[in-house]
């Protein structure tokens, strides 16, 4: 099974978590881990969801229709394959 990570940020409002989890369930995905943060000072909502595709769908197939979910919330989002390594630079002074 392929595993992915979805990161989301948008204006805070109700229904965001429900929309995301419903979408992933419809695509045959199982949420493994979910973290969210609501910044009361800026009114922004942030979420990171780790999930697996139980039906073996590709990341592009899962993300293809997500724009329809994201649009009403004006979400900024990214899907990542959790198996691909991220480039990291650590700087210390």
PDB file of N, CA and C in Angstrom:
ATOM      1  N   UNK A   1       0.841  -1.186   0.000  1.00  0.00           N
ATOM      2  CA  UNK A   1       0.000   0.000   0.000  1.00  0.00           C
ATOM      3  C   UNK A   1       0.879   1.239   0.000  1.00  0.00           C
ATOM      4  N   UNK A   2       0.483   2.221  -0.765  1.00  0.00           N
ATOM      5  CA  UNK A   2       1.216   3.481  -0.847  1.00  0.00           C
ATOM      6  C   UNK A   2       0.765   4.410   0.272  1.00  0.00           C
ATOM      7  N   UNK A   3       1.717   5.143   0.837  1.00  0.00           N
ATOM      8  CA  UNK A   3       1.378   6.104   1.887  1.00  0.00           C
ATOM      9  C   UNK A   3       1.709   7.518   1.421  1.00  0.00           C
ATOM     10  N   UNK A   4       0.885   8.453   1.847  1.00  0.00           N
ATOM     11  CA  UNK A   4       0.990   9.841   1.420  1.00  0.00           C
ATOM     12  C   UNK A   4       0.776  10.770   2.605  1.00  0.00           C
ATOM     13  N   UNK A   5       1.154  12.034   2.396  1.00  0.00           N
ATOM     14  CA  UNK A   5       0.921  13.078   3.385  1.00  0.00           C
ATOM     15  C   UNK A   5       0.262  14.249   2.668  1.00  0.00           C
ATOM     16  N   UNK A   6      -0.792  14.757   3.268  1.00  0.00           N
ATOM     17  CA  UNK A   6      -1.481  15.939   2.763  1.00  0.00           C
ATOM     18  C   UNK A   6      -1.275  17.064   3.765  1.00  0.00           C
ATOM     19  N   UNK A   7      -0.781  18.212   3.298  1.00  0.00           N
ATOM     20  CA  UNK A   7      -0.671  19.396   4.151  1.00  0.00           C
ATOM     21  C   UNK A   7      -1.634  20.446   3.621  1.00  0.00           C
ATOM     22  N   UNK A   8      -2.307  21.117   4.553  1.00  0.00           N
ATOM     23  CA  UNK A   8      -3.357  22.073   4.202  1.00  0.00           C
ATOM     24  C   UNK A   8      -3.221  23.319   5.067  1.00  0.00           C
ATOM     25  N   UNK A   9      -3.476  24.470   4.483  1.00  0.00           N
ATOM     26  CA  UNK A   9      -3.653  25.696   5.258  1.00  0.00           C
ATOM     27  C   UNK A   9      -4.744  26.521   4.584  1.00  0.00           C
ATOM     28  N   UNK A  10      -5.554  27.169   5.412  1.00  0.00           N
ATOM     29  CA  UNK A  10      -6.640  27.995   4.902  1.00  0.00           C
ATOM     30  C   UNK A  10      -7.209  28.825   6.047  1.00  0.00           C
ATOM     31  N   UNK A  11      -8.153  29.678   5.719  1.00  0.00           N
ATOM     32  CA  UNK A  11      -8.851  30.444   6.734  1.00  0.00           C
ATOM     33  C   UNK A  11      -9.633  29.467   7.607  1.00  0.00           C
ATOM     34  N   UNK A  12      -9.619  29.696   8.906  1.00  0.00           N
ATOM     35  CA  UNK A  12     -10.292  28.795   9.836  1.00  0.00           C
ATOM     36  C   UNK A  12     -11.811  28.934   9.739  1.00  0.00           C
ATOM     37  N   UNK A  13     -12.468  27.802   9.578  1.00  0.00           N
ATOM     38  CA  UNK A  13     -13.927  27.751   9.559  1.00  0.00           C
ATOM     39  C   UNK A  13     -14.363  26.316   9.852  1.00  0.00           C
ATOM     40  N   UNK A  14     -15.615  26.111  10.110  1.00  0.00           N
ATOM     41  CA  UNK A  14     -16.074  24.749  10.410  1.00  0.00           C
ATOM     42  C   UNK A  14     -16.204  23.930   9.123  1.00  0.00           C
ATOM     43  N   UNK A  15     -16.046  22.609   9.270  1.00  0.00           N
ATOM     44  CA  UNK A  15     -16.254  21.697   8.152  1.00  0.00           C
ATOM     45  C   UNK A  15     -15.011  21.281   7.394  1.00  0.00           C
ATOM     46  N   UNK A  16     -13.863  21.861   7.723  1.00  0.00           N
ATOM     47  CA  UNK A  16     -12.637  21.550   6.982  1.00  0.00           C
ATOM     48  C   UNK A  16     -12.228  20.095   7.188  1.00  0.00           C
ATOM     49  N   UNK A  17     -12.151  19.676   8.442  1.00  0.00           N
ATOM     50  CA  UNK A  17     -11.719  18.310   8.760  1.00  0.00           C
ATOM     51  C   UNK A  17     -12.697  17.300   8.164  1.00  0.00           C
ATOM     52  N   UNK A  18     -13.979  17.584   8.272  1.00  0.00           N
ATOM     53  CA  UNK A  18     -14.996  16.681   7.716  1.00  0.00           C
ATOM     54  C   UNK A  18     -14.859  16.559   6.201  1.00  0.00           C
ATOM     55  N   UNK A  19     -14.612  17.669   5.529  1.00  0.00           N
ATOM     56  CA  UNK A  19     -14.473  17.644   4.066  1.00  0.00           C
ATOM     57  C   UNK A  19     -13.262  16.823   3.640  1.00  0.00           C
ATOM     58  N   UNK A  20     -12.141  17.017   4.336  1.00  0.00           N
ATOM     59  CA  UNK A  20     -10.916  16.294   3.987  1.00  0.00           C
ATOM     60  C   UNK A  20     -11.053  14.810   4.272  1.00  0.00           C
ATOM     61  N   UNK A  21     -11.546  14.465   5.462  1.00  0.00           N
ATOM     62  CA  UNK A  21     -11.653  13.043   5.813  1.00  0.00           C
ATOM     63  C   UNK A  21     -12.682  12.328   4.942  1.00  0.00           C
ATOM     64  N   UNK A  22     -13.767  12.990   4.598  1.00  0.00           N
ATOM     65  CA  UNK A  22     -14.768  12.386   3.709  1.00  0.00           C
ATOM     66  C   UNK A  22     -14.184  12.142   2.323  1.00  0.00           C
ATOM     67  N   UNK A  23     -13.430  13.105   1.817  1.00  0.00           N
ATOM     68  CA  UNK A  23     -12.811  12.960   0.502  1.00  0.00           C
ATOM     69  C   UNK A  23     -11.859  11.770   0.484  1.00  0.00           C
ATOM     70  N   UNK A  24     -10.999  11.681   1.497  1.00  0.00           N
ATOM     71  CA  UNK A  24     -10.037  10.578   1.540  1.00  0.00           C
ATOM     72  C   UNK A  24     -10.745   9.229   1.655  1.00  0.00           C
ATOM     73  N   UNK A  25     -11.814   9.164   2.439  1.00  0.00           N
ATOM     74  CA  UNK A  25     -12.574   7.919   2.572  1.00  0.00           C
ATOM     75  C   UNK A  25     -13.201   7.523   1.232  1.00  0.00           C
ATOM     76  N   UNK A  26     -13.732   8.507   0.504  1.00  0.00           N
ATOM     77  CA  UNK A  26     -14.329   8.226  -0.807  1.00  0.00           C
ATOM     78  C   UNK A  26     -13.303   7.694  -1.802  1.00  0.00           C
ATOM     79  N   UNK A  27     -12.047   8.095  -1.642  1.00  0.00           N
ATOM     80  CA  UNK A  27     -10.970   7.650  -2.525  1.00  0.00           C
ATOM     81  C   UNK A  27     -10.359   6.327  -2.063  1.00  0.00           C
ATOM     82  N   UNK A  28     -10.918   5.713  -1.016  1.00  0.00           N
ATOM     83  CA  UNK A  28     -10.418   4.433  -0.537  1.00  0.00           C
ATOM     84  C   UNK A  28      -9.160   4.551   0.299  1.00  0.00           C
ATOM     85  N   UNK A  29      -9.022   5.671   0.996  1.00  0.00           N
ATOM     86  CA  UNK A  29      -7.832   5.907   1.820  1.00  0.00           C
ATOM     87  C   UNK A  29      -8.165   5.765   3.298  1.00  0.00           C
ATOM     88  N   UNK A  30      -7.165   5.351   4.066  1.00  0.00           N
ATOM     89  CA  UNK A  30      -7.300   5.199   5.506  1.00  0.00           C
ATOM     90  C   UNK A  30      -6.340   6.171   6.177  1.00  0.00           C
ATOM     91  N   UNK A  31      -6.865   7.048   7.033  1.00  0.00           N
ATOM     92  CA  UNK A  31      -6.039   8.031   7.734  1.00  0.00           C
ATOM     93  C   UNK A  31      -5.277   7.335   8.847  1.00  0.00           C
ATOM     94  N   UNK A  32      -3.947   7.491   8.816  1.00  0.00           N
ATOM     95  CA  UNK A  32      -3.074   6.891   9.823  1.00  0.00           C
ATOM     96  C   UNK A  32      -2.814   7.871  10.957  1.00  0.00           C
ATOM     97  N   UNK A  33      -2.592   9.140  10.599  1.00  0.00           N
ATOM     98  CA  UNK A  33      -2.283  10.167  11.590  1.00  0.00           C
ATOM     99  C   UNK A  33      -2.806  11.503  11.082  1.00  0.00           C
ATOM    100  N   UNK A  34      -3.289  12.311  11.997  1.00  0.00           N
ATOM    101  CA  UNK A  34      -3.787  13.626  11.630  1.00  0.00           C
ATOM    102  C   UNK A  34      -3.441  14.617  12.730  1.00  0.00           C
ATOM    103  N   UNK A  35      -2.863  15.741  12.340  1.00  0.00           N
ATOM    104  CA  UNK A  35      -2.543  16.815  13.282  1.00  0.00           C
ATOM    105  C   UNK A  35      -3.098  18.108  12.719  1.00  0.00           C
ATOM    106  N   UNK A  36      -3.652  18.915  13.600  1.00  0.00           N
ATOM    107  CA  UNK A  36      -4.208  20.179  13.146  1.00  0.00           C
ATOM    108  C   UNK A  36      -3.937  21.268  14.168  1.00  0.00           C
ATOM    109  N   UNK A  37      -3.927  22.501  13.694  1.00  0.00           N
ATOM    110  CA  UNK A  37      -3.658  23.649  14.543  1.00  0.00           C
ATOM    111  C   UNK A  37      -4.460  24.824  14.021  1.00  0.00           C
ATOM    112  N   UNK A  38      -5.135  25.489  14.916  1.00  0.00           N
ATOM    113  CA  UNK A  38      -5.913  26.671  14.581  1.00  0.00           C
ATOM    114  C   UNK A  38      -5.225  27.870  15.222  1.00  0.00           C
ATOM    115  N   UNK A  39      -4.645  28.756  14.413  1.00  0.00           N
ATOM    116  CA  UNK A  39      -3.956  29.937  14.924  1.00  0.00           C
ATOM    117  C   UNK A  39      -4.989  31.031  15.159  1.00  0.00           C
ATOM    118  N   UNK A  40      -5.325  31.258  16.415  1.00  0.00           N
ATOM    119  CA  UNK A  40      -6.363  32.224  16.751  1.00  0.00           C
ATOM    120  C   UNK A  40      -5.942  33.657  16.450  1.00  0.00           C
ATOM    121  N   UNK A  41      -4.639  33.932  16.472  1.00  0.00           N
ATOM    122  CA  UNK A  41      -4.157  35.287  16.190  1.00  0.00           C
ATOM    123  C   UNK A  41      -4.333  35.661  14.721  1.00  0.00           C
ATOM    124  N   UNK A  42      -4.098  34.715  13.832  1.00  0.00           N
ATOM    125  CA  UNK A  42      -4.188  35.006  12.394  1.00  0.00           C
ATOM    126  C   UNK A  42      -5.479  34.495  11.754  1.00  0.00           C
ATOM    127  N   UNK A  43      -6.206  33.637  12.472  1.00  0.00           N
ATOM    128  CA  UNK A  43      -7.428  33.063  11.919  1.00  0.00           C
ATOM    129  C   UNK A  43      -7.166  32.006  10.863  1.00  0.00           C
ATOM    130  N   UNK A  44      -5.956  31.418  10.885  1.00  0.00           N
ATOM    131  CA  UNK A  44      -5.575  30.399   9.906  1.00  0.00           C
ATOM    132  C   UNK A  44      -5.644  29.011  10.524  1.00  0.00           C
ATOM    133  N   UNK A  45      -5.981  28.040   9.693  1.00  0.00           N
ATOM    134  CA  UNK A  45      -6.068  26.637  10.077  1.00  0.00           C
ATOM    135  C   UNK A  45      -4.982  25.877   9.329  1.00  0.00           C
ATOM    136  N   UNK A  46      -4.286  24.991  10.041  1.00  0.00           N
ATOM    137  CA  UNK A  46      -3.224  24.182   9.445  1.00  0.00           C
ATOM    138  C   UNK A  46      -3.493  22.721   9.769  1.00  0.00           C
ATOM    139  N   UNK A  47      -3.252  21.836   8.804  1.00  0.00           N
ATOM    140  CA  UNK A  47      -3.502  20.411   9.016  1.00  0.00           C
ATOM    141  C   UNK A  47      -2.489  19.586   8.242  1.00  0.00           C
ATOM    142  N   UNK A  48      -2.092  18.490   8.863  1.00  0.00           N
ATOM    143  CA  UNK A  48      -1.201  17.514   8.220  1.00  0.00           C
ATOM    144  C   UNK A  48      -1.846  16.148   8.410  1.00  0.00           C
ATOM    145  N   UNK A  49      -2.118  15.451   7.318  1.00  0.00           N
ATOM    146  CA  UNK A  49      -2.789  14.155   7.364  1.00  0.00           C
ATOM    147  C   UNK A  49      -1.910  13.108   6.683  1.00  0.00           C
ATOM    148  N   UNK A  50      -1.569  12.047   7.415  1.00  0.00           N
ATOM    149  CA  UNK A  50      -0.864  10.901   6.835  1.00  0.00           C
ATOM    150  C   UNK A  50      -1.905   9.826   6.550  1.00  0.00           C
ATOM    151  N   UNK A  51      -1.855   9.255   5.363  1.00  0.00           N
ATOM    152  CA  UNK A  51      -2.856   8.251   5.002  1.00  0.00           C
ATOM    153  C   UNK A  51      -2.267   7.239   4.039  1.00  0.00           C
ATOM    154  N   UNK A  52      -2.933   6.093   3.959  1.00  0.00           N
ATOM    155  CA  UNK A  52      -2.542   5.063   3.001  1.00  0.00           C
ATOM    156  C   UNK A  52      -3.684   4.854   2.009  1.00  0.00           C
ATOM    157  N   UNK A  53      -3.305   4.517   0.795  1.00  0.00           N
ATOM    158  CA  UNK A  53      -4.284   4.201  -0.234  1.00  0.00           C
ATOM    159  C   UNK A  53      -4.507   2.695  -0.203  1.00  0.00           C
ATOM    160  N   UNK A  54      -5.620   2.277   0.374  1.00  0.00           N
ATOM    161  CA  UNK A  54      -5.918   0.849   0.478  1.00  0.00           C
ATOM    162  C   UNK A  54      -6.263   0.245  -0.875  1.00  0.00           C
ATOM    163  N   UNK A  55      -6.603   1.084  -1.842  1.00  0.00           N
ATOM    164  CA  UNK A  55      -6.938   0.598  -3.183  1.00  0.00           C
ATOM    165  C   UNK A  55      -5.770   0.739  -4.146  1.00  0.00           C
ATOM    166  N   UNK A  56      -4.623   1.186  -3.640  1.00  0.00           N
ATOM    167  CA  UNK A  56      -3.426   1.289  -4.465  1.00  0.00           C
ATOM    168  C   UNK A  56      -3.422   2.428  -5.467  1.00  0.00           C
ATOM    169  N   UNK A  57      -4.227   3.453  -5.226  1.00  0.00           N
ATOM    170  CA  UNK A  57      -4.268   4.588  -6.146  1.00  0.00           C
ATOM    171  C   UNK A  57      -2.966   5.381  -6.084  1.00  0.00           C
ATOM    172  N   UNK A  58      -2.616   5.995  -7.186  1.00  0.00           N
ATOM    173  CA  UNK A  58      -1.425   6.844  -7.225  1.00  0.00           C
ATOM    174  C   UNK A  58      -1.739   8.186  -6.566  1.00  0.00           C
ATOM    175  N   UNK A  59      -0.688   8.894  -6.203  1.00  0.00           N
ATOM    176  CA  UNK A  59      -0.860  10.215  -5.601  1.00  0.00           C
ATOM    177  C   UNK A  59      -1.589  11.171  -6.520  1.00  0.00           C
ATOM    178  N   UNK A  60      -1.298  11.097  -7.812  1.00  0.00           N
ATOM    179  CA  UNK A  60      -1.974  11.984  -8.766  1.00  0.00           C
ATOM    180  C   UNK A  60      -3.457  11.642  -8.890  1.00  0.00           C
ATOM    181  N   UNK A  61      -3.797  10.362  -8.789  1.00  0.00           N
ATOM    182  CA  UNK A  61      -5.209   9.960  -8.846  1.00  0.00           C
ATOM    183  C   UNK A  61      -5.963  10.437  -7.609  1.00  0.00           C
ATOM    184  N   UNK A  62      -5.294  10.402  -6.464  1.00  0.00           N
ATOM    185  CA  UNK A  62      -5.938  10.846  -5.224  1.00  0.00           C
ATOM    186  C   UNK A  62      -6.106  12.359  -5.226  1.00  0.00           C
ATOM    187  N   UNK A  63      -5.100  13.073  -5.691  1.00  0.00           N
ATOM    188  CA  UNK A  63      -5.148  14.536  -5.644  1.00  0.00           C
ATOM    189  C   UNK A  63      -5.944  15.157  -6.793  1.00  0.00           C
ATOM    190  N   UNK A  64      -6.264  14.375  -7.811  1.00  0.00           N
ATOM    191  CA  UNK A  64      -6.895  14.904  -9.028  1.00  0.00           C
ATOM    192  C   UNK A  64      -8.173  15.695  -8.769  1.00  0.00           C
ATOM    193  N   UNK A  65      -9.043  15.216  -7.935  1.00  0.00           N
ATOM    194  CA  UNK A  65     -10.335  15.862  -7.706  1.00  0.00           C
ATOM    195  C   UNK A  65     -10.366  16.705  -6.436  1.00  0.00           C
ATOM    196  N   UNK A  66      -9.227  16.818  -5.749  1.00  0.00           N
ATOM    197  CA  UNK A  66      -9.215  17.519  -4.462  1.00  0.00           C
ATOM    198  C   UNK A  66      -9.473  19.018  -4.610  1.00  0.00           C
ATOM    199  N   UNK A  67      -9.201  19.576  -5.766  1.00  0.00           N
ATOM    200  CA  UNK A  67      -9.428  21.009  -5.979  1.00  0.00           C
ATOM    201  C   UNK A  67     -10.880  21.396  -5.700  1.00  0.00           C
ATOM    202  N   UNK A  68     -11.810  20.489  -5.988  1.00  0.00           N
ATOM    203  CA  UNK A  68     -13.225  20.761  -5.724  1.00  0.00           C
ATOM    204  C   UNK A  68     -13.507  20.838  -4.228  1.00  0.00           C
ATOM    205  N   UNK A  69     -12.755  20.089  -3.426  1.00  0.00           N
ATOM    206  CA  UNK A  69     -12.892  20.138  -1.967  1.00  0.00           C
ATOM    207  C   UNK A  69     -12.223  21.403  -1.438  1.00  0.00           C
ATOM    208  N   UNK A  70     -11.073  21.741  -1.997  1.00  0.00           N
ATOM    209  CA  UNK A  70     -10.273  22.868  -1.515  1.00  0.00           C
ATOM    210  C   UNK A  70     -10.881  24.228  -1.858  1.00  0.00           C
ATOM    211  N   UNK A  71     -11.535  24.327  -2.992  1.00  0.00           N
ATOM    212  CA  UNK A  71     -12.023  25.620  -3.487  1.00  0.00           C
ATOM    213  C   UNK A  71     -12.934  26.376  -2.512  1.00  0.00           C
ATOM    214  N   UNK A  72     -13.946  25.739  -1.917  1.00  0.00           N
ATOM    215  CA  UNK A  72     -14.827  26.491  -1.017  1.00  0.00           C
ATOM    216  C   UNK A  72     -14.107  27.057   0.212  1.00  0.00           C
ATOM    217  N   UNK A  73     -13.005  26.421   0.599  1.00  0.00           N
ATOM    218  CA  UNK A  73     -12.248  26.857   1.771  1.00  0.00           C
ATOM    219  C   UNK A  73     -11.038  27.714   1.386  1.00  0.00           C
ATOM    220  N   UNK A  74     -10.820  27.898   0.091  1.00  0.00           N
ATOM    221  CA  UNK A  74      -9.645  28.614  -0.422  1.00  0.00           C
ATOM    222  C   UNK A  74      -8.357  28.033   0.167  1.00  0.00           C
ATOM    223  N   UNK A  75      -8.258  26.703   0.128  1.00  0.00           N
ATOM    224  CA  UNK A  75      -7.123  25.980   0.717  1.00  0.00           C
ATOM    225  C   UNK A  75      -5.870  26.089  -0.133  1.00  0.00           C
ATOM    226  N   UNK A  76      -4.755  26.150   0.563  1.00  0.00           N
ATOM    227  CA  UNK A  76      -3.455  25.902  -0.042  1.00  0.00           C
ATOM    228  C   UNK A  76      -3.106  24.488   0.406  1.00  0.00           C
ATOM    229  N   UNK A  77      -2.774  23.607  -0.529  1.00  0.00           N
ATOM    230  CA  UNK A  77      -2.549  22.211  -0.150  1.00  0.00           C
ATOM    231  C   UNK A  77      -1.472  21.579  -1.009  1.00  0.00           C
ATOM    232  N   UNK A  78      -0.873  20.531  -0.460  1.00  0.00           N
ATOM    233  CA  UNK A  78       0.121  19.743  -1.193  1.00  0.00           C
ATOM    234  C   UNK A  78       0.001  18.285  -0.781  1.00  0.00           C
ATOM    235  N   UNK A  79       0.076  17.398  -1.761  1.00  0.00           N
ATOM    236  CA  UNK A  79       0.151  15.962  -1.516  1.00  0.00           C
ATOM    237  C   UNK A  79       1.600  15.534  -1.698  1.00  0.00           C
ATOM    238  N   UNK A  80       2.097  14.704  -0.788  1.00  0.00           N
ATOM    239  CA  UNK A  80       3.469  14.207  -0.866  1.00  0.00           C
ATOM    240  C   UNK A  80       3.472  12.689  -0.734  1.00  0.00           C
ATOM    241  N   UNK A  81       4.300  12.029  -1.499  1.00  0.00           N
ATOM    242  CA  UNK A  81       4.542  10.597  -1.339  1.00  0.00           C
ATOM    243  C   UNK A  81       5.457  10.449  -0.134  1.00  0.00           C
ATOM    244  N   UNK A  82       5.004   9.775   0.906  1.00  0.00           N
ATOM    245  CA  UNK A  82       5.797   9.690   2.136  1.00  0.00           C
ATOM    246  C   UNK A  82       7.038   8.818   1.977  1.00  0.00           C
ATOM    247  N   UNK A  83       7.116   8.061   0.889  1.00  0.00           N
ATOM    248  CA  UNK A  83       8.291   7.225   0.663  1.00  0.00           C
ATOM    249  C   UNK A  83       9.423   7.986  -0.029  1.00  0.00           C
ATOM    250  N   UNK A  84       9.105   9.110  -0.660  1.00  0.00           N
ATOM    251  CA  UNK A  84      10.168   9.881  -1.311  1.00  0.00           C
ATOM    252  C   UNK A  84      10.838  10.779  -0.275  1.00  0.00           C
ATOM    253  N   UNK A  85      12.148  10.850  -0.356  1.00  0.00           N
ATOM    254  CA  UNK A  85      12.907  11.607   0.625  1.00  0.00           C
ATOM    255  C   UNK A  85      12.813  13.097   0.320  1.00  0.00           C
ATOM    256  N   UNK A  86      12.683  13.867   1.375  1.00  0.00           N
ATOM    257  CA  UNK A  86      12.653  15.314   1.230  1.00  0.00           C
ATOM    258  C   UNK A  86      14.070  15.862   1.318  1.00  0.00           C
ATOM    259  N   UNK A  87      14.329  16.896   0.557  1.00  0.00           N
ATOM    260  CA  UNK A  87      15.618  17.563   0.638  1.00  0.00           C
ATOM    261  C   UNK A  87      15.597  18.483   1.855  1.00  0.00           C
ATOM    262  N   UNK A  88      16.612  18.341   2.707  1.00  0.00           N
ATOM    263  CA  UNK A  88      16.679  19.120   3.938  1.00  0.00           C
ATOM    264  C   UNK A  88      18.051  19.761   4.040  1.00  0.00           C
ATOM    265  N   UNK A  89      18.071  21.000   4.475  1.00  0.00           N
ATOM    266  CA  UNK A  89      19.320  21.706   4.702  1.00  0.00           C
ATOM    267  C   UNK A  89      19.295  22.224   6.124  1.00  0.00           C
ATOM    268  N   UNK A  90      20.256  21.814   6.926  1.00  0.00           N
ATOM    269  CA  UNK A  90      20.373  22.297   8.296  1.00  0.00           C
ATOM    270  C   UNK A  90      21.523  23.280   8.354  1.00  0.00           C
ATOM    271  N   UNK A  91      21.248  24.452   8.882  1.00  0.00           N
ATOM    272  CA  UNK A  91      22.289  25.466   9.009  1.00  0.00           C
ATOM    273  C   UNK A  91      22.434  25.825  10.482  1.00  0.00           C
ATOM    274  N   UNK A  92      23.654  25.835  10.934  1.00  0.00           N
ATOM    275  CA  UNK A  92      23.934  26.134  12.336  1.00  0.00           C
ATOM    276  C   UNK A  92      25.000  27.213  12.385  1.00  0.00           C
ATOM    277  N   UNK A  93      24.810  28.147  13.278  1.00  0.00           N
ATOM    278  CA  UNK A  93      25.850  29.172  13.430  1.00  0.00           C
ATOM    279  C   UNK A  93      26.402  29.166  14.841  1.00  0.00           C
TER     280      UNK A  93
END
